[in-house]
Amino acid sequence: MDQVFKALADSTRRLLLDRLREHNGQTLRELCDRLGMARQSATQHLDVLQRANLVTVVRRGRERLHYLNPVPIHEIEERWISGFDRPRLQAISAIRNQAEEYAMTTTMPTYVYVTYIRANADQVWKALTDADLTARFWGHANVSDWETGASWEHRRVDGSGVADVIGKVLAVEPPTRLVMTFEDPAGGEAAAEPSVVTFLVEPHQDIVRLTVTHEKLADQEMLDAIAQGWPAVLANLKSLLETGDVLPQAPWDMAPANA
């Protein structure tokens, strides 16, 4: 937490976070152009933000895309803010979010979430691809043979066999990378382009860094739903792998990706 406060204490770094909040997934060049900042200076500030886990870097070919990671800020909110005046703060936030919708571009938004898990890569991979384990931490069983091009289903665990989300496996590189589409099974031919989720599992000292990237989201409403859903799912995953049990809360039921 000390690194987070140190990173946020600098006005330039706060400005970088503001720019990423306005338009997530920017390259270093885009950030420098928007801020009129030298590459070396921007790189130094971004390195501080990365070490504080406030910024996540995702590679796309030769490019490095920078994403705002809300987890540390959420932890600050939970620890120091939520207990004081949550209803009023939520009302102010709702008004602000409504106003910001008018300023949105037509670019399909992307959501990135990073968590660190005290486990090895094979354990995390199994948790992501084993139907019984996903049923425990996700509330749905993810069923597939996990081969490139295969289909997958996000099935209810009530015995009905109903899949609330379906998709196709786009890439499988165990135990480090899994890419798949998220689609509404009732979407039909007129359905929007499916969103795409990438799980990236990387060793980080003696633990694992798990990055979830959810791309091609249809609109702000879907982004808002995803931004509430993924933290709940991944907190349950982390708890299951580290303690053997999920958190004492209802698991998140993922809404269809094209809803």
Protein backbone atom coordinates (compact mmCIF):
# COMPACT_ATOMS: atom_id res chain seq x y z
CA MET A 1 0.00 0.00 0.00
CA ASP A 2 2.93 2.35 0.62
CA GLN A 3 3.90 2.09 -3.06
CA VAL A 4 0.35 3.01 -4.07
CA PHE A 5 0.31 6.18 -1.99
CA LYS A 6 3.81 7.08 -3.20
CA ALA A 7 2.71 6.65 -6.82
CA LEU A 8 -0.47 8.70 -6.32
CA ALA A 9 1.40 11.50 -4.56
CA ASP A 10 2.80 12.78 -7.86
CA SER A 11 0.52 14.96 -10.00
CA THR A 12 2.03 13.73 -13.27
CA ARG A 13 1.33 10.13 -12.38
CA ARG A 14 -2.22 11.01 -11.39
CA LEU A 15 -2.60 12.69 -14.79
CA LEU A 16 -1.37 9.52 -16.52
CA LEU A 17 -4.01 7.52 -14.65
CA ASP A 18 -6.66 10.07 -15.63
CA ARG A 19 -5.71 9.71 -19.29
CA LEU A 20 -5.89 5.92 -19.05
CA ARG A 21 -9.26 6.19 -17.37
CA GLU A 22 -10.51 8.28 -20.30
CA HIS A 23 -9.02 5.93 -22.89
CA ASN A 24 -7.63 2.64 -21.63
CA GLY A 25 -5.07 0.56 -23.51
CA GLN A 26 -2.81 3.33 -24.83
CA THR A 27 0.72 2.90 -26.10
CA LEU A 28 3.61 4.89 -24.67
CA ARG A 29 3.61 7.05 -27.79
CA GLU A 30 -0.10 7.84 -27.44
CA LEU A 31 0.32 8.82 -23.80
CA CYS A 32 3.30 11.03 -24.59
CA ASP A 33 1.46 12.73 -27.47
CA ARG A 34 -1.60 13.45 -25.33
CA LEU A 35 0.44 14.84 -22.45
CA GLY A 36 3.25 16.52 -24.39
CA MET A 37 5.72 14.48 -22.34
CA ALA A 38 9.13 13.06 -23.24
CA ARG A 39 9.24 9.28 -23.60
CA GLN A 40 11.92 8.88 -20.93
CA SER A 41 9.96 10.87 -18.38
CA ALA A 42 6.71 9.02 -19.15
CA THR A 43 8.48 5.66 -18.94
CA GLN A 44 9.86 6.48 -15.49
CA HIS A 45 6.43 7.49 -14.19
CA LEU A 46 4.76 4.42 -15.74
CA ASP A 47 7.37 2.16 -14.12
CA VAL A 48 6.41 3.58 -10.71
CA LEU A 49 2.73 3.01 -11.48
CA GLN A 50 3.44 -0.56 -12.58
CA ARG A 51 5.36 -1.35 -9.40
CA ALA A 52 2.38 -0.06 -7.42
CA ASN A 53 0.10 -2.31 -9.54
CA LEU A 54 -1.89 0.74 -10.67
CA VAL A 55 -1.01 0.17 -14.33
CA THR A 56 -0.88 -3.11 -16.21
CA VAL A 57 0.99 -3.60 -19.48
CA VAL A 58 -0.38 -6.00 -22.09
CA ARG A 59 1.69 -6.87 -25.15
CA ARG A 60 0.05 -6.82 -28.59
CA GLY A 61 2.66 -7.83 -31.15
CA ARG A 62 5.42 -5.24 -30.90
CA GLU A 63 3.26 -2.79 -28.96
CA ARG A 64 2.92 -2.42 -25.19
CA LEU A 65 -0.58 -1.29 -24.22
CA HIS A 66 -1.09 0.36 -20.84
CA TYR A 67 -4.25 -0.27 -18.80
CA LEU A 68 -5.46 1.26 -15.56
CA ASN A 69 -5.70 -1.41 -12.85
CA PRO A 70 -8.40 -0.41 -10.34
CA VAL A 71 -7.60 -3.01 -7.68
CA PRO A 72 -5.32 -0.92 -5.38
CA ILE A 73 -7.67 2.07 -5.59
CA HIS A 74 -10.60 -0.21 -4.75
CA GLU A 75 -8.68 -1.48 -1.70
CA ILE A 76 -8.17 2.12 -0.54
CA GLU A 77 -11.89 2.77 -0.99
CA GLU A 78 -12.82 -0.34 0.98
CA ARG A 79 -10.43 0.40 3.84
CA TRP A 80 -10.75 4.16 4.32
CA ILE A 81 -13.74 5.52 2.42
CA SER A 82 -16.64 3.06 2.29
CA GLY A 83 -17.36 3.17 6.02
CA PHE A 84 -17.79 6.93 6.18
CA ASP A 85 -20.43 8.09 3.74
CA ARG A 86 -21.03 5.43 1.10
CA PRO A 87 -24.64 6.33 0.10
CA ARG A 88 -23.76 9.95 -0.71
CA LEU A 89 -20.56 8.97 -2.51
CA GLN A 90 -22.42 6.38 -4.58
CA ALA A 91 -25.02 8.98 -5.59
CA ILE A 92 -22.29 11.40 -6.69
CA SER A 93 -20.55 8.61 -8.60
CA ALA A 94 -23.79 7.63 -10.37
CA ILE A 95 -24.36 11.22 -11.52
CA ARG A 96 -20.75 11.48 -12.76
CA ASN A 97 -20.94 8.16 -14.62
CA GLN A 98 -24.19 9.18 -16.29
CA ALA A 99 -22.63 12.43 -17.49
CA GLU A 100 -19.54 10.63 -18.79
CA GLU A 101 -21.65 8.40 -21.04
CA TYR A 102 -22.26 11.41 -23.31
CA ALA A 103 -18.52 11.77 -23.87
CA MET A 104 -17.88 8.15 -24.81
CA THR A 105 -16.42 7.34 -28.21
CA THR A 106 -17.58 4.49 -30.42
CA THR A 107 -14.43 2.50 -29.64
CA MET A 108 -15.31 -0.84 -28.05
CA PRO A 109 -13.96 -0.73 -24.48
CA THR A 110 -11.51 -3.18 -22.91
CA TYR A 111 -11.31 -4.26 -19.29
CA VAL A 112 -8.07 -5.48 -17.65
CA TYR A 113 -7.76 -6.96 -14.17
CA VAL A 114 -4.63 -8.22 -12.42
CA THR A 115 -4.41 -10.37 -9.32
CA TYR A 116 -1.58 -12.19 -7.56
CA ILE A 117 -2.17 -15.74 -6.31
CA ARG A 118 -0.02 -17.82 -3.98
CA ALA A 119 -0.02 -20.87 -6.23
CA ASN A 120 1.90 -22.20 -9.23
CA ALA A 121 0.96 -21.78 -12.88
CA ASP A 122 -0.30 -25.37 -13.25
CA GLN A 123 -2.67 -24.93 -10.31
CA VAL A 124 -4.09 -21.70 -11.72
CA TRP A 125 -4.47 -23.26 -15.18
CA LYS A 126 -6.34 -26.24 -13.74
CA ALA A 127 -8.65 -23.92 -11.80
CA LEU A 128 -9.49 -22.04 -15.01
CA THR A 129 -10.16 -25.14 -17.11
CA ASP A 130 -11.52 -27.77 -14.70
CA ALA A 131 -15.33 -27.88 -14.72
CA ASP A 132 -15.63 -28.89 -11.05
CA LEU A 133 -13.28 -26.14 -9.87
CA THR A 134 -14.94 -23.42 -11.96
CA ALA A 135 -18.28 -24.54 -10.54
CA ARG A 136 -16.93 -23.88 -7.04
CA PHE A 137 -15.45 -20.40 -7.48
CA TRP A 138 -17.51 -19.14 -10.44
CA GLY A 139 -20.93 -20.64 -9.73
CA HIS A 140 -20.96 -22.11 -13.26
CA ALA A 141 -19.03 -25.01 -14.73
CA ASN A 142 -16.82 -24.11 -17.70
CA VAL A 143 -16.99 -27.18 -19.96
CA SER A 144 -14.73 -27.80 -22.96
CA ASP A 145 -11.95 -30.06 -24.18
CA TRP A 146 -9.83 -26.86 -24.27
CA GLU A 147 -8.36 -27.36 -27.72
CA THR A 148 -7.93 -24.48 -30.18
CA GLY A 149 -11.13 -24.13 -32.19
CA ALA A 150 -13.22 -26.10 -29.71
CA SER A 151 -16.45 -24.78 -28.23
CA TRP A 152 -16.95 -24.11 -24.51
CA GLU A 153 -19.99 -23.62 -22.30
CA HIS A 154 -20.61 -21.74 -19.05
CA ARG A 155 -23.14 -24.19 -17.57
CA ARG A 156 -25.39 -23.76 -14.56
CA VAL A 157 -24.73 -26.09 -11.63
CA ASP A 158 -28.40 -26.72 -10.80
CA GLY A 159 -28.51 -29.90 -12.89
CA SER A 160 -30.39 -28.28 -15.76
CA GLY A 161 -27.39 -28.34 -18.10
CA VAL A 162 -28.33 -24.84 -19.31
CA ALA A 163 -25.40 -22.76 -20.61
CA ASP A 164 -25.72 -19.03 -19.92
CA VAL A 165 -22.61 -18.24 -21.97
CA ILE A 166 -21.02 -20.11 -24.84
CA GLY A 167 -17.97 -19.45 -26.98
CA LYS A 168 -15.02 -20.72 -28.94
CA VAL A 169 -11.52 -21.42 -27.71
CA LEU A 170 -9.20 -19.22 -29.79
CA ALA A 171 -5.80 -20.07 -28.28
CA VAL A 172 -4.49 -22.60 -25.75
CA GLU A 173 -0.94 -22.44 -24.39
CA PRO A 174 -0.95 -24.32 -21.08
CA PRO A 175 -0.24 -23.27 -18.42
CA THR A 176 0.28 -19.65 -19.45
CA ARG A 177 -2.33 -18.38 -21.95
CA LEU A 178 -5.97 -19.10 -22.72
CA VAL A 179 -8.09 -17.03 -25.14
CA MET A 180 -11.80 -17.56 -25.79
CA THR A 181 -14.90 -15.75 -26.97
CA PHE A 182 -17.91 -15.02 -24.76
CA GLU A 183 -21.26 -15.20 -26.57
CA ASP A 184 -24.97 -15.14 -25.76
CA PRO A 185 -26.40 -18.59 -26.67
CA ALA A 186 -29.69 -16.92 -27.66
CA GLY A 187 -28.04 -14.22 -29.74
CA GLY A 188 -28.83 -15.62 -33.18
CA GLU A 189 -27.48 -14.20 -36.43
CA ALA A 190 -28.18 -10.61 -35.38
CA ALA A 191 -26.02 -10.89 -32.27
CA ALA A 192 -23.22 -8.41 -31.77
CA GLU A 193 -19.61 -9.42 -32.25
CA PRO A 194 -18.62 -11.65 -29.32
CA SER A 195 -16.32 -10.30 -26.66
CA VAL A 196 -12.94 -11.96 -26.13
CA VAL A 197 -11.29 -12.94 -22.85
CA THR A 198 -7.58 -13.67 -22.41
CA PHE A 199 -6.14 -15.29 -19.29
CA LEU A 200 -2.39 -14.73 -18.93
CA VAL A 201 -0.64 -16.71 -16.18
CA GLU A 202 2.90 -15.52 -15.35
CA PRO A 203 5.32 -16.53 -12.57
CA HIS A 204 6.01 -13.61 -10.22
CA GLN A 205 8.74 -14.41 -7.71
CA ASP A 206 7.27 -17.32 -5.72
CA ILE A 207 3.64 -16.62 -6.68
CA VAL A 208 1.59 -16.20 -9.88
CA ARG A 209 0.41 -13.05 -11.60
CA LEU A 210 -2.93 -13.59 -13.38
CA THR A 211 -4.00 -10.95 -15.93
CA VAL A 212 -7.53 -11.10 -17.34
CA THR A 213 -8.20 -8.99 -20.43
CA HIS A 214 -11.82 -8.70 -21.62
CA GLU A 215 -11.97 -7.05 -25.06
CA LYS A 216 -14.58 -6.01 -27.62
CA LEU A 217 -17.15 -5.11 -24.99
CA ALA A 218 -20.31 -3.82 -26.62
CA ASP A 219 -20.86 -0.63 -24.60
CA GLN A 220 -20.41 1.17 -21.27
CA GLU A 221 -23.23 -0.81 -19.63
CA MET A 222 -21.46 -4.06 -20.41
CA LEU A 223 -18.14 -2.64 -19.23
CA ASP A 224 -19.73 -1.62 -15.92
CA ALA A 225 -21.16 -5.14 -15.44
CA ILE A 226 -17.83 -6.77 -16.30
CA ALA A 227 -15.99 -4.41 -13.93
CA GLN A 228 -18.12 -5.68 -11.05
CA GLY A 229 -18.10 -9.32 -12.10
CA TRP A 230 -14.45 -10.12 -12.70
CA PRO A 231 -13.17 -8.92 -9.29
CA ALA A 232 -15.72 -11.19 -7.56
CA VAL A 233 -14.83 -14.21 -9.69
CA LEU A 234 -11.08 -13.75 -9.31
CA ALA A 235 -11.30 -13.08 -5.57
CA ASN A 236 -13.11 -16.43 -5.25
CA LEU A 237 -10.47 -18.11 -7.42
CA LYS A 238 -7.66 -16.65 -5.30
CA SER A 239 -9.37 -17.72 -2.08
CA LEU A 240 -9.98 -21.25 -3.35
CA LEU A 241 -6.37 -21.79 -4.38
CA GLU A 242 -4.86 -20.18 -1.29
CA THR A 243 -7.22 -21.45 1.42
CA GLY A 244 -9.09 -24.36 -0.13
CA ASP A 245 -12.44 -22.58 0.12
CA VAL A 246 -14.32 -19.74 -1.59
CA LEU A 247 -15.28 -16.47 0.03
CA PRO A 248 -18.47 -16.28 2.15
CA GLN A 249 -20.50 -14.60 -0.58
CA ALA A 250 -22.59 -15.64 -3.54
CA PRO A 251 -20.46 -16.31 -6.65
CA TRP A 252 -20.96 -14.02 -9.57
CA ASP A 253 -23.32 -15.25 -12.29
CA MET A 254 -21.80 -13.95 -15.49
CA ALA A 255 -24.25 -12.14 -17.71
CA PRO A 256 -24.12 -13.15 -21.39
CA ALA A 257 -21.31 -11.29 -23.10
CA ASN A 258 -23.59 -9.79 -25.72
CA ALA A 259 -26.46 -8.88 -23.44
